[in-house]
Amino acid sequence: MPIGRVGRPGLIGLAARTAVIAGTAQAVSGGMARNQQARAQQAAQQQEYADDQQRAQMEAAAQAAAAAYPPPPTPSPAPTTDLIGELQKLAALQQAGVLTDAEFSAAKAKLLS
């Protein structure tokens, strides 16, 4: 009858136990890493969604503000001729005797029309 060993395990038993422990540790470590990566990816997606929502709200507020305050009207262009200056020139020509009263009246009527 063979007598079994009592005490410490043999070299093969020790190697087998070490392999089981190492394999288990690697599996647990890999699982934890995958879980952490999945949580980080989910957090990034949630942040991106929140950023998109905030951007949409800002654009809507900008559009509402633009609709509430229309752009100021453009000023009408200044007249091409200086009416007062032209009348003063005509009056000076009349006083100098270059224009007669009839010519002054006709030129004045032309400017005012």
N, C-alpha and C. Protein backbone atom coordinates (compact mmCIF):
# COMPACT_ATOMS: atom_id res chain seq x y z
N MET A 1 0.80 -1.15 0.00
CA MET A 1 0.00 0.00 0.00
C MET A 1 0.86 1.25 0.00
N PRO A 2 0.60 2.08 -0.94
CA PRO A 2 1.42 3.28 -1.03
C PRO A 2 1.06 4.24 0.07
N ILE A 3 2.04 4.80 0.58
CA ILE A 3 1.84 5.77 1.65
C ILE A 3 1.91 7.15 1.00
N GLY A 4 0.89 7.98 1.25
CA GLY A 4 0.84 9.33 0.68
C GLY A 4 1.76 10.27 1.41
N ARG A 5 2.13 11.27 0.77
CA ARG A 5 3.03 12.27 1.34
C ARG A 5 2.29 13.12 2.33
N VAL A 6 2.87 13.41 3.38
CA VAL A 6 2.29 14.28 4.38
C VAL A 6 3.22 15.48 4.50
N GLY A 7 2.66 16.63 4.60
CA GLY A 7 3.49 17.82 4.72
C GLY A 7 3.34 18.71 3.51
N ARG A 8 4.41 19.26 3.05
CA ARG A 8 4.38 20.21 1.93
C ARG A 8 4.07 19.49 0.63
N PRO A 9 3.41 20.24 -0.31
CA PRO A 9 3.12 19.62 -1.60
C PRO A 9 4.40 19.50 -2.42
N GLY A 10 4.30 18.68 -3.42
CA GLY A 10 5.45 18.48 -4.28
C GLY A 10 5.61 19.65 -5.25
N LEU A 11 6.64 19.55 -6.05
CA LEU A 11 6.98 20.62 -6.97
C LEU A 11 5.87 20.83 -8.00
N ILE A 12 5.26 19.79 -8.51
CA ILE A 12 4.20 19.90 -9.51
C ILE A 12 2.95 20.51 -8.88
N GLY A 13 2.62 20.10 -7.68
CA GLY A 13 1.46 20.67 -6.99
C GLY A 13 1.65 22.14 -6.71
N LEU A 14 2.85 22.53 -6.32
CA LEU A 14 3.17 23.93 -6.05
C LEU A 14 3.06 24.75 -7.33
N ALA A 15 3.54 24.24 -8.45
CA ALA A 15 3.47 24.94 -9.74
C ALA A 15 2.02 25.07 -10.18
N ALA A 16 1.22 24.03 -9.98
CA ALA A 16 -0.18 24.06 -10.38
C ALA A 16 -0.94 25.11 -9.57
N ARG A 17 -0.70 25.15 -8.27
CA ARG A 17 -1.38 26.12 -7.41
C ARG A 17 -0.97 27.54 -7.80
N THR A 18 0.29 27.75 -8.08
CA THR A 18 0.77 29.07 -8.49
C THR A 18 0.12 29.49 -9.80
N ALA A 19 -0.04 28.56 -10.75
CA ALA A 19 -0.66 28.87 -12.04
C ALA A 19 -2.13 29.25 -11.85
N VAL A 20 -2.82 28.55 -10.97
CA VAL A 20 -4.23 28.86 -10.72
C VAL A 20 -4.36 30.24 -10.09
N ILE A 21 -3.53 30.55 -9.14
CA ILE A 21 -3.59 31.86 -8.48
C ILE A 21 -3.25 32.97 -9.47
N ALA A 22 -2.23 32.75 -10.29
CA ALA A 22 -1.83 33.77 -11.26
C ALA A 22 -2.92 33.97 -12.30
N GLY A 23 -3.54 32.89 -12.77
CA GLY A 23 -4.62 33.00 -13.76
C GLY A 23 -5.82 33.72 -13.19
N THR A 24 -6.15 33.42 -11.95
CA THR A 24 -7.27 34.09 -11.31
C THR A 24 -6.98 35.58 -11.13
N ALA A 25 -5.80 35.90 -10.71
CA ALA A 25 -5.43 37.30 -10.52
C ALA A 25 -5.48 38.05 -11.85
N GLN A 26 -5.01 37.43 -12.91
CA GLN A 26 -5.02 38.08 -14.22
C GLN A 26 -6.45 38.29 -14.70
N ALA A 27 -7.33 37.32 -14.50
CA ALA A 27 -8.72 37.44 -14.91
C ALA A 27 -9.41 38.55 -14.14
N VAL A 28 -9.17 38.61 -12.85
CA VAL A 28 -9.79 39.66 -12.02
C VAL A 28 -9.26 41.03 -12.43
N SER A 29 -7.96 41.11 -12.64
CA SER A 29 -7.35 42.38 -13.04
C SER A 29 -7.90 42.84 -14.39
N GLY A 30 -8.00 41.95 -15.35
CA GLY A 30 -8.55 42.29 -16.67
C GLY A 30 -9.99 42.74 -16.58
N GLY A 31 -10.78 42.06 -15.75
CA GLY A 31 -12.18 42.44 -15.57
C GLY A 31 -12.31 43.82 -14.96
N MET A 32 -11.47 44.10 -13.99
CA MET A 32 -11.51 45.42 -13.36
C MET A 32 -11.12 46.51 -14.36
N ALA A 33 -10.13 46.22 -15.16
CA ALA A 33 -9.69 47.21 -16.16
C ALA A 33 -10.80 47.46 -17.18
N ARG A 34 -11.49 46.41 -17.61
CA ARG A 34 -12.59 46.59 -18.57
C ARG A 34 -13.72 47.40 -17.95
N ASN A 35 -14.03 47.12 -16.68
CA ASN A 35 -15.09 47.88 -16.00
C ASN A 35 -14.72 49.36 -15.87
N GLN A 36 -13.47 49.64 -15.51
CA GLN A 36 -13.03 51.03 -15.38
C GLN A 36 -13.08 51.73 -16.74
N GLN A 37 -12.68 51.04 -17.78
CA GLN A 37 -12.70 51.63 -19.12
C GLN A 37 -14.15 51.90 -19.54
N ALA A 38 -15.06 50.97 -19.25
CA ALA A 38 -16.47 51.16 -19.61
C ALA A 38 -17.06 52.35 -18.85
N ARG A 39 -16.73 52.49 -17.56
CA ARG A 39 -17.22 53.63 -16.78
C ARG A 39 -16.67 54.95 -17.31
N ALA A 40 -15.40 54.95 -17.68
CA ALA A 40 -14.80 56.18 -18.21
C ALA A 40 -15.43 56.55 -19.54
N GLN A 41 -15.70 55.57 -20.39
CA GLN A 41 -16.33 55.85 -21.67
C GLN A 41 -17.76 56.37 -21.47
N GLN A 42 -18.48 55.79 -20.52
CA GLN A 42 -19.84 56.24 -20.25
C GLN A 42 -19.83 57.67 -19.70
N ALA A 43 -18.89 57.98 -18.84
CA ALA A 43 -18.78 59.34 -18.31
C ALA A 43 -18.46 60.34 -19.41
N ALA A 44 -17.60 59.94 -20.35
CA ALA A 44 -17.26 60.83 -21.46
C ALA A 44 -18.47 61.07 -22.36
N GLN A 45 -19.26 60.04 -22.58
CA GLN A 45 -20.46 60.20 -23.40
C GLN A 45 -21.47 61.11 -22.70
N GLN A 46 -21.62 60.97 -21.40
CA GLN A 46 -22.54 61.83 -20.66
C GLN A 46 -22.08 63.29 -20.70
N GLN A 47 -20.77 63.51 -20.59
CA GLN A 47 -20.24 64.87 -20.65
C GLN A 47 -20.46 65.47 -22.04
N GLU A 48 -20.25 64.67 -23.06
CA GLU A 48 -20.46 65.15 -24.43
C GLU A 48 -21.93 65.51 -24.65
N TYR A 49 -22.83 64.69 -24.13
CA TYR A 49 -24.26 64.97 -24.25
C TYR A 49 -24.61 66.27 -23.53
N ALA A 50 -24.07 66.45 -22.32
CA ALA A 50 -24.33 67.68 -21.57
C ALA A 50 -23.78 68.90 -22.31
N ASP A 51 -22.61 68.76 -22.91
CA ASP A 51 -22.02 69.87 -23.69
C ASP A 51 -22.90 70.21 -24.89
N ASP A 52 -23.42 69.18 -25.57
CA ASP A 52 -24.30 69.41 -26.72
C ASP A 52 -25.57 70.14 -26.29
N GLN A 53 -26.13 69.73 -25.15
CA GLN A 53 -27.34 70.39 -24.65
C GLN A 53 -27.07 71.85 -24.32
N GLN A 54 -25.95 72.11 -23.67
CA GLN A 54 -25.60 73.48 -23.31
C GLN A 54 -25.36 74.33 -24.57
N ARG A 55 -24.69 73.76 -25.56
CA ARG A 55 -24.44 74.47 -26.81
C ARG A 55 -25.76 74.81 -27.50
N ALA A 56 -26.71 73.86 -27.50
CA ALA A 56 -28.01 74.10 -28.13
C ALA A 56 -28.76 75.21 -27.40
N GLN A 57 -28.69 75.23 -26.07
CA GLN A 57 -29.35 76.28 -25.31
C GLN A 57 -28.74 77.64 -25.60
N MET A 58 -27.42 77.69 -25.72
CA MET A 58 -26.76 78.95 -26.00
C MET A 58 -27.13 79.46 -27.40
N GLU A 59 -27.20 78.56 -28.37
CA GLU A 59 -27.58 78.97 -29.72
C GLU A 59 -29.02 79.46 -29.76
N ALA A 60 -29.91 78.79 -29.03
CA ALA A 60 -31.31 79.22 -28.98
C ALA A 60 -31.42 80.60 -28.32
N ALA A 61 -30.65 80.82 -27.26
CA ALA A 61 -30.68 82.12 -26.60
C ALA A 61 -30.13 83.21 -27.50
N ALA A 62 -29.09 82.89 -28.27
CA ALA A 62 -28.51 83.87 -29.19
C ALA A 62 -29.50 84.22 -30.30
N GLN A 63 -30.22 83.22 -30.79
CA GLN A 63 -31.21 83.48 -31.83
C GLN A 63 -32.37 84.31 -31.28
N ALA A 64 -32.78 84.03 -30.04
CA ALA A 64 -33.86 84.79 -29.44
C ALA A 64 -33.42 86.24 -29.22
N ALA A 65 -32.18 86.43 -28.80
CA ALA A 65 -31.68 87.79 -28.59
C ALA A 65 -31.58 88.53 -29.91
N ALA A 66 -31.17 87.84 -30.95
CA ALA A 66 -31.06 88.49 -32.26
C ALA A 66 -32.43 88.88 -32.78
N ALA A 67 -33.45 88.05 -32.50
CA ALA A 67 -34.80 88.37 -32.95
C ALA A 67 -35.38 89.52 -32.14
N ALA A 68 -35.01 89.62 -30.86
CA ALA A 68 -35.56 90.66 -30.00
C ALA A 68 -34.97 92.03 -30.33
N TYR A 69 -33.74 92.05 -30.79
CA TYR A 69 -33.08 93.31 -31.11
C TYR A 69 -32.69 93.33 -32.58
N PRO A 70 -33.58 93.86 -33.45
CA PRO A 70 -33.23 93.90 -34.86
C PRO A 70 -32.07 94.86 -35.10
N PRO A 71 -31.34 94.68 -36.17
CA PRO A 71 -30.21 95.56 -36.43
C PRO A 71 -30.70 97.00 -36.65
N PRO A 72 -29.89 97.96 -36.28
CA PRO A 72 -30.32 99.35 -36.45
C PRO A 72 -30.44 99.69 -37.93
N PRO A 73 -31.37 100.57 -38.25
CA PRO A 73 -31.53 100.93 -39.66
C PRO A 73 -30.30 101.68 -40.16
N THR A 74 -30.02 101.48 -41.41
CA THR A 74 -28.87 102.16 -41.99
C THR A 74 -29.26 103.61 -42.26
N PRO A 75 -28.38 104.55 -41.98
CA PRO A 75 -28.72 105.95 -42.21
C PRO A 75 -28.85 106.22 -43.70
N SER A 76 -29.77 107.14 -44.02
CA SER A 76 -29.96 107.48 -45.42
C SER A 76 -28.73 108.25 -45.90
N PRO A 77 -28.38 108.04 -47.14
CA PRO A 77 -27.19 108.73 -47.64
C PRO A 77 -27.39 110.24 -47.65
N ALA A 78 -26.34 110.96 -47.40
CA ALA A 78 -26.40 112.41 -47.39
C ALA A 78 -26.65 112.91 -48.81
N PRO A 79 -27.36 114.02 -48.91
CA PRO A 79 -27.60 114.55 -50.25
C PRO A 79 -26.28 114.84 -50.96
N THR A 80 -26.29 114.61 -52.25
CA THR A 80 -25.05 114.78 -53.00
C THR A 80 -24.67 116.25 -53.15
N THR A 81 -25.65 117.12 -53.09
CA THR A 81 -25.34 118.55 -53.19
C THR A 81 -25.66 119.23 -51.87
N ASP A 82 -24.88 120.19 -51.51
CA ASP A 82 -25.11 120.98 -50.30
C ASP A 82 -26.04 122.12 -50.68
N LEU A 83 -27.32 121.96 -50.31
CA LEU A 83 -28.35 122.91 -50.74
C LEU A 83 -28.08 124.31 -50.20
N ILE A 84 -27.74 124.40 -48.95
CA ILE A 84 -27.50 125.72 -48.35
C ILE A 84 -26.27 126.37 -48.97
N GLY A 85 -25.25 125.61 -49.19
CA GLY A 85 -24.04 126.14 -49.82
C GLY A 85 -24.31 126.65 -51.22
N GLU A 86 -25.11 125.88 -51.97
CA GLU A 86 -25.44 126.31 -53.34
C GLU A 86 -26.25 127.60 -53.33
N LEU A 87 -27.20 127.70 -52.40
CA LEU A 87 -28.01 128.92 -52.31
C LEU A 87 -27.14 130.12 -51.94
N GLN A 88 -26.18 129.89 -51.04
CA GLN A 88 -25.29 130.99 -50.66
C GLN A 88 -24.43 131.43 -51.84
N LYS A 89 -23.98 130.47 -52.64
CA LYS A 89 -23.20 130.82 -53.84
C LYS A 89 -24.04 131.64 -54.81
N LEU A 90 -25.30 131.21 -55.00
CA LEU A 90 -26.18 131.97 -55.90
C LEU A 90 -26.41 133.38 -55.37
N ALA A 91 -26.61 133.52 -54.05
CA ALA A 91 -26.83 134.85 -53.47
C ALA A 91 -25.58 135.71 -53.64
N ALA A 92 -24.41 135.12 -53.49
CA ALA A 92 -23.18 135.88 -53.67
C ALA A 92 -23.02 136.32 -55.11
N LEU A 93 -23.37 135.44 -56.05
CA LEU A 93 -23.30 135.82 -57.47
C LEU A 93 -24.30 136.93 -57.79
N GLN A 94 -25.47 136.86 -57.16
CA GLN A 94 -26.47 137.91 -57.40
C GLN A 94 -25.98 139.24 -56.84
N GLN A 95 -25.41 139.21 -55.63
CA GLN A 95 -24.92 140.45 -55.01
C GLN A 95 -23.74 141.02 -55.78
N ALA A 96 -22.95 140.14 -56.40
CA ALA A 96 -21.81 140.61 -57.18
C ALA A 96 -22.26 141.17 -58.52
N GLY A 97 -23.52 140.93 -58.88
CA GLY A 97 -24.05 141.44 -60.14
C GLY A 97 -23.86 140.48 -61.29
N VAL A 98 -23.40 139.29 -61.04
CA VAL A 98 -23.21 138.31 -62.10
C VAL A 98 -24.56 137.76 -62.54
N LEU A 99 -25.49 137.56 -61.58
CA LEU A 99 -26.82 137.02 -61.88
C LEU A 99 -27.87 138.13 -61.72
N THR A 100 -28.85 138.12 -62.60
CA THR A 100 -29.97 139.04 -62.44
C THR A 100 -30.96 138.42 -61.47
N ASP A 101 -31.97 139.23 -61.09
CA ASP A 101 -33.00 138.71 -60.17
C ASP A 101 -33.75 137.54 -60.79
N ALA A 102 -34.03 137.60 -62.08
CA ALA A 102 -34.76 136.52 -62.75
C ALA A 102 -33.92 135.25 -62.80
N GLU A 103 -32.62 135.40 -63.12
CA GLU A 103 -31.73 134.23 -63.17
C GLU A 103 -31.57 133.62 -61.78
N PHE A 104 -31.46 134.47 -60.77
CA PHE A 104 -31.34 133.98 -59.39
C PHE A 104 -32.58 133.20 -59.00
N SER A 105 -33.77 133.75 -59.30
CA SER A 105 -35.03 133.07 -58.96
C SER A 105 -35.15 131.73 -59.68
N ALA A 106 -34.73 131.69 -60.97
CA ALA A 106 -34.83 130.43 -61.74
C ALA A 106 -33.86 129.38 -61.17
N ALA A 107 -32.63 129.80 -60.84
CA ALA A 107 -31.66 128.86 -60.29
C ALA A 107 -32.09 128.37 -58.92
N LYS A 108 -32.66 129.28 -58.12
CA LYS A 108 -33.15 128.90 -56.78
C LYS A 108 -34.29 127.92 -56.89
N ALA A 109 -35.21 128.16 -57.80
CA ALA A 109 -36.35 127.25 -57.99
C ALA A 109 -35.85 125.87 -58.45
N LYS A 110 -34.83 125.88 -59.31
CA LYS A 110 -34.28 124.61 -59.80
C LYS A 110 -33.64 123.81 -58.66
N LEU A 111 -32.92 124.50 -57.77
CA LEU A 111 -32.29 123.81 -56.62
C LEU A 111 -33.31 123.28 -55.65
N LEU A 112 -34.36 124.03 -55.40
CA LEU A 112 -35.36 123.64 -54.42
C LEU A 112 -36.29 122.55 -54.93
N SER A 113 -36.37 122.33 -56.22
CA SER A 113 -37.29 121.32 -56.75
C SER A 113 -36.69 119.94 -56.77
